[in-house]
Amino acid sequence: MAGNKAAAAGCAAGYLIGSVAFALIVGRAVGGPDIRDFGSGNMGSANVARTLGPRAGALTCGVHVAAGVVTVRSVRWLGSYP
């Protein structure tokens, strides 16, 4: 798949992966409260780290980075090089 189709598929993959609330998933996985109700209310790794501890914050950050890597690699695999 090359050109515009690959770029469109990559955009769709990036949108879908980016719409997953990893901070909320990590918060529930470690048995914490709903992260949106504590701290700044932001679902980011900094708020997770402040609320649930540095390990949960690092895990959230790692998952966010991995999502970006997966998106870029999938676009390259499809044949469009961003």
C-alpha atoms as a PDB file:
ATOM      1  CA  MET A   1       0.000   0.000   0.000  1.00  0.00           C
ATOM      2  CA  ALA A   2       1.672   3.196  -1.059  1.00  0.00           C
ATOM      3  CA  GLY A   3       1.054   6.892  -1.208  1.00  0.00           C
ATOM      4  CA  ASN A   4      -2.209   8.437  -0.164  1.00  0.00           C
ATOM      5  CA  LYS A   5      -3.837   5.195   0.991  1.00  0.00           C
ATOM      6  CA  ALA A   6      -0.957   4.466   3.342  1.00  0.00           C
ATOM      7  CA  ALA A   7      -1.003   8.016   4.657  1.00  0.00           C
ATOM      8  CA  ALA A   8      -4.753   7.843   5.252  1.00  0.00           C
ATOM      9  CA  ALA A   9      -4.430   4.484   6.990  1.00  0.00           C
ATOM     10  CA  GLY A  10      -1.620   5.873   9.124  1.00  0.00           C
ATOM     11  CA  CYS A  11      -3.700   8.882  10.117  1.00  0.00           C
ATOM     12  CA  ALA A  12      -6.602   6.619  11.027  1.00  0.00           C
ATOM     13  CA  ALA A  13      -4.318   4.336  13.057  1.00  0.00           C
ATOM     14  CA  GLY A  14      -2.789   7.315  14.845  1.00  0.00           C
ATOM     15  CA  TYR A  15      -6.204   8.728  15.651  1.00  0.00           C
ATOM     16  CA  LEU A  16      -7.490   5.420  16.985  1.00  0.00           C
ATOM     17  CA  ILE A  17      -4.397   4.668  19.063  1.00  0.00           C
ATOM     18  CA  GLY A  18      -4.305   8.237  20.354  1.00  0.00           C
ATOM     19  CA  SER A  19      -7.920   8.087  21.464  1.00  0.00           C
ATOM     20  CA  VAL A  20      -7.247   5.281  23.960  1.00  0.00           C
ATOM     21  CA  ALA A  21      -7.160   6.635  27.517  1.00  0.00           C
ATOM     22  CA  PHE A  22      -4.042   4.801  28.700  1.00  0.00           C
ATOM     23  CA  ALA A  23      -3.814   6.796  31.931  1.00  0.00           C
ATOM     24  CA  LEU A  24      -7.296   5.673  32.891  1.00  0.00           C
ATOM     25  CA  ILE A  25      -6.485   2.065  31.999  1.00  0.00           C
ATOM     26  CA  VAL A  26      -3.242   2.110  34.004  1.00  0.00           C
ATOM     27  CA  GLY A  27      -5.009   3.737  36.935  1.00  0.00           C
ATOM     28  CA  ARG A  28      -7.619   1.021  37.028  1.00  0.00           C
ATOM     29  CA  ALA A  29      -5.017  -1.718  36.497  1.00  0.00           C
ATOM     30  CA  VAL A  30      -3.036  -0.662  39.563  1.00  0.00           C
ATOM     31  CA  GLY A  31      -6.222  -0.444  41.624  1.00  0.00           C
ATOM     32  CA  GLY A  32      -6.267   3.315  41.892  1.00  0.00           C
ATOM     33  CA  PRO A  33      -9.173   5.718  41.697  1.00  0.00           C
ATOM     34  CA  ASP A  34     -10.485   7.361  38.563  1.00  0.00           C
ATOM     35  CA  ILE A  35      -7.559   9.610  37.674  1.00  0.00           C
ATOM     36  CA  ARG A  36      -9.892  12.279  36.284  1.00  0.00           C
ATOM     37  CA  ASP A  37     -11.249  12.954  39.779  1.00  0.00           C
ATOM     38  CA  PHE A  38      -7.875  13.662  41.411  1.00  0.00           C
ATOM     39  CA  GLY A  39      -4.963  16.046  41.015  1.00  0.00           C
ATOM     40  CA  SER A  40      -5.270  18.279  37.990  1.00  0.00           C
ATOM     41  CA  GLY A  41      -7.974  16.090  36.453  1.00  0.00           C
ATOM     42  CA  ASN A  42      -5.784  15.644  33.390  1.00  0.00           C
ATOM     43  CA  MET A  43      -5.295  12.093  32.113  1.00  0.00           C
ATOM     44  CA  GLY A  44      -1.558  12.345  31.654  1.00  0.00           C
ATOM     45  CA  SER A  45       1.441  10.600  33.107  1.00  0.00           C
ATOM     46  CA  ALA A  46       2.342  13.543  35.383  1.00  0.00           C
ATOM     47  CA  ASN A  47      -1.054  13.462  37.085  1.00  0.00           C
ATOM     48  CA  VAL A  48      -0.880   9.666  37.336  1.00  0.00           C
ATOM     49  CA  ALA A  49       2.575   9.944  38.946  1.00  0.00           C
ATOM     50  CA  ARG A  50       1.377  12.549  41.443  1.00  0.00           C
ATOM     51  CA  THR A  51      -1.784  10.628  42.303  1.00  0.00           C
ATOM     52  CA  LEU A  52      -0.805   6.961  42.048  1.00  0.00           C
ATOM     53  CA  GLY A  53       2.966   7.070  42.426  1.00  0.00           C
ATOM     54  CA  PRO A  54       6.037   7.168  40.208  1.00  0.00           C
ATOM     55  CA  ARG A  55       5.775   3.577  38.989  1.00  0.00           C
ATOM     56  CA  ALA A  56       2.266   4.093  37.636  1.00  0.00           C
ATOM     57  CA  GLY A  57       3.370   7.402  36.110  1.00  0.00           C
ATOM     58  CA  ALA A  58       6.358   5.780  34.416  1.00  0.00           C
ATOM     59  CA  LEU A  59       4.159   2.968  33.112  1.00  0.00           C
ATOM     60  CA  THR A  60       1.695   5.486  31.706  1.00  0.00           C
ATOM     61  CA  CYS A  61       4.486   7.465  30.061  1.00  0.00           C
ATOM     62  CA  GLY A  62       5.951   4.282  28.578  1.00  0.00           C
ATOM     63  CA  VAL A  63       2.613   3.210  27.158  1.00  0.00           C
ATOM     64  CA  HIS A  64       2.098   6.652  25.602  1.00  0.00           C
ATOM     65  CA  VAL A  65       5.533   6.518  23.990  1.00  0.00           C
ATOM     66  CA  ALA A  66       4.895   2.964  22.765  1.00  0.00           C
ATOM     67  CA  ALA A  67       1.629   4.084  21.178  1.00  0.00           C
ATOM     68  CA  GLY A  68       3.499   6.735  19.223  1.00  0.00           C
ATOM     69  CA  VAL A  69       6.152   4.264  18.132  1.00  0.00           C
ATOM     70  CA  VAL A  70       3.523   1.753  17.011  1.00  0.00           C
ATOM     71  CA  THR A  71       1.760   4.429  14.984  1.00  0.00           C
ATOM     72  CA  VAL A  72       4.911   5.587  13.193  1.00  0.00           C
ATOM     73  CA  ARG A  73       6.108   2.053  12.523  1.00  0.00           C
ATOM     74  CA  SER A  74       2.716   1.005  11.166  1.00  0.00           C
ATOM     75  CA  VAL A  75       2.730   3.922   8.719  1.00  0.00           C
ATOM     76  CA  ARG A  76       6.238   3.015   7.589  1.00  0.00           C
ATOM     77  CA  TRP A  77       5.224  -0.625   7.243  1.00  0.00           C
ATOM     78  CA  LEU A  78       2.266   0.411   5.075  1.00  0.00           C
ATOM     79  CA  GLY A  79       4.625   2.232   2.752  1.00  0.00           C
ATOM     80  CA  SER A  80       4.205   5.900   3.610  1.00  0.00           C
ATOM     81  CA  TYR A  81       7.230   7.522   5.221  1.00  0.00           C
ATOM     82  CA  PRO A  82       6.318  10.509   7.432  1.00  0.00           C
END
